[in-house]
Every structure is written in structure tokens, then in C-alpha cells.
Amino acid sequence: MRNSVSRTSKARREWVPTRRCPCGGRFFHDVQPYSNHGVFFGHYVFWTCDKCGETVVPPSDSETLDQVAKAKGLYGLEAAAPPIRCT
């Protein structure tokens, strides 16, 4: 997930103290909407890089998103999709 423009102002950012982005930037907490396969899950806190805009799911919320996906019947749909063939 990429987010080039964050809605969180620089003055109000809460930085993630122990993690750095591979580009060298710092992650900050950013609340964003999340959807999977077109189904809206809600707004969650993500880590967003202040340099490149990369958005990462924090480890603490990863399990929560998996549980919501299982409850909605969306868990494992990527594995069930047939491979795409280019001709």
C-alpha cells in the first residue's frame, strides 16, 4: 500500500521510535481506511514513511486485520485465485 500524501500534519505526528523505513525515512502513526477485495474493513492505524510515503501494517494490527478478513470470508482469496497467463 502506498500513500504519497498523508492527512496527518507534521506537527501532530506520533513517530514510531524503534522502526525505520528501508529508504532511511522515519515511520509515523497514520489513521487510514482499509479495504480488501473491495470490502471496507474500517479505519486503522498504519505506519507511514515521512520520506517515501510507504505504508506498513504494524505487527499489532496485522493479526486484527486477519481476524476481520476471516470473519468476512475473505481470508485466503489470493491463494485461491488461479494464476494469470500472459499470451
Protein backbone atom coordinates (compact mmCIF):
# COMPACT_ATOMS: atom_id res chain seq x y z
CA MET A 1 0.00 0.00 0.00
CA ARG A 2 1.40 3.40 -0.92
CA ASN A 3 0.28 6.77 0.32
CA SER A 4 2.14 9.72 -1.18
CA VAL A 5 0.24 12.39 0.73
CA SER A 6 -0.60 11.88 4.39
CA ARG A 7 -3.53 13.59 6.08
CA THR A 8 -1.62 13.79 9.35
CA SER A 9 0.05 17.19 9.83
CA LYS A 10 3.77 17.17 10.61
CA ALA A 11 3.21 18.92 13.93
CA ARG A 12 0.81 16.20 15.16
CA ARG A 13 2.73 13.11 14.02
CA GLU A 14 3.45 10.40 16.54
CA TRP A 15 6.71 8.75 15.47
CA VAL A 16 7.43 5.02 15.70
CA PRO A 17 10.63 5.05 17.78
CA THR A 18 12.06 1.59 17.01
CA ARG A 19 11.44 1.20 13.27
CA ARG A 20 12.98 2.83 10.19
CA CYS A 21 11.96 2.54 6.55
CA PRO A 22 14.48 0.89 4.16
CA CYS A 23 14.75 4.27 2.36
CA GLY A 24 16.09 5.84 5.57
CA GLY A 25 12.91 7.71 6.49
CA ARG A 26 11.07 7.54 9.79
CA PHE A 27 7.68 5.92 10.29
CA PHE A 28 4.83 7.79 11.95
CA HIS A 29 1.36 6.62 13.00
CA ASP A 30 -1.32 7.48 10.42
CA VAL A 31 -5.03 6.55 10.50
CA GLN A 32 -6.24 5.40 7.07
CA PRO A 33 -9.18 3.47 5.62
CA TYR A 34 -8.50 -0.18 4.80
CA SER A 35 -10.31 -2.41 2.31
CA ASN A 36 -9.58 -5.85 0.89
CA HIS A 37 -11.14 -7.21 -2.31
CA GLY A 38 -13.42 -4.18 -2.38
CA VAL A 39 -14.79 -4.77 1.14
CA PHE A 40 -14.30 -1.90 3.61
CA PHE A 41 -12.84 -3.02 6.94
CA GLY A 42 -12.73 0.34 8.72
CA HIS A 43 -10.08 2.86 9.68
CA TYR A 44 -6.85 1.51 11.17
CA VAL A 45 -3.52 2.91 12.33
CA PHE A 46 -0.72 2.30 9.83
CA TRP A 47 2.95 3.26 9.83
CA THR A 48 3.71 5.74 7.04
CA CYS A 49 7.23 6.78 5.99
CA ASP A 50 7.85 10.52 6.04
CA LYS A 51 10.34 10.24 3.16
CA CYS A 52 8.90 7.83 0.55
CA GLY A 53 5.26 7.53 1.69
CA GLU A 54 5.34 3.72 2.03
CA THR A 55 2.54 2.48 4.28
CA VAL A 56 3.08 -0.58 6.51
CA VAL A 57 0.66 -2.52 8.73
CA PRO A 58 2.02 -2.59 12.30
CA PRO A 59 2.55 -6.11 13.68
CA SER A 60 -0.05 -5.49 16.39
CA ASP A 61 -2.78 -4.73 13.81
CA SER A 62 -1.81 -7.44 11.33
CA GLU A 63 -3.49 -10.16 13.43
CA THR A 64 -6.60 -7.97 13.86
CA LEU A 65 -6.93 -7.48 10.09
CA ASP A 66 -6.53 -11.23 9.53
CA GLN A 67 -9.33 -11.95 12.02
CA VAL A 68 -11.64 -9.42 10.33
CA ALA A 69 -10.86 -10.94 6.92
CA LYS A 70 -11.66 -14.44 8.24
CA ALA A 71 -14.94 -13.20 9.74
CA LYS A 72 -15.94 -11.64 6.41
CA GLY A 73 -14.95 -14.77 4.46
CA LEU A 74 -12.12 -13.06 2.58
CA TYR A 75 -9.14 -14.83 4.13
CA GLY A 76 -7.03 -16.76 1.63
CA LEU A 77 -8.70 -15.46 -1.54
CA GLU A 78 -5.29 -14.58 -3.03
CA ALA A 79 -4.22 -18.22 -2.80
CA ALA A 80 -7.50 -19.47 -4.30
CA ALA A 81 -7.23 -17.29 -7.42
CA PRO A 82 -5.88 -19.09 -10.49
CA PRO A 83 -2.60 -17.78 -11.92
CA ILE A 84 -2.86 -15.22 -14.70
CA ARG A 85 -1.46 -16.35 -18.04
CA CYS A 86 0.01 -13.91 -20.50
CA THR A 87 -0.25 -14.87 -24.14
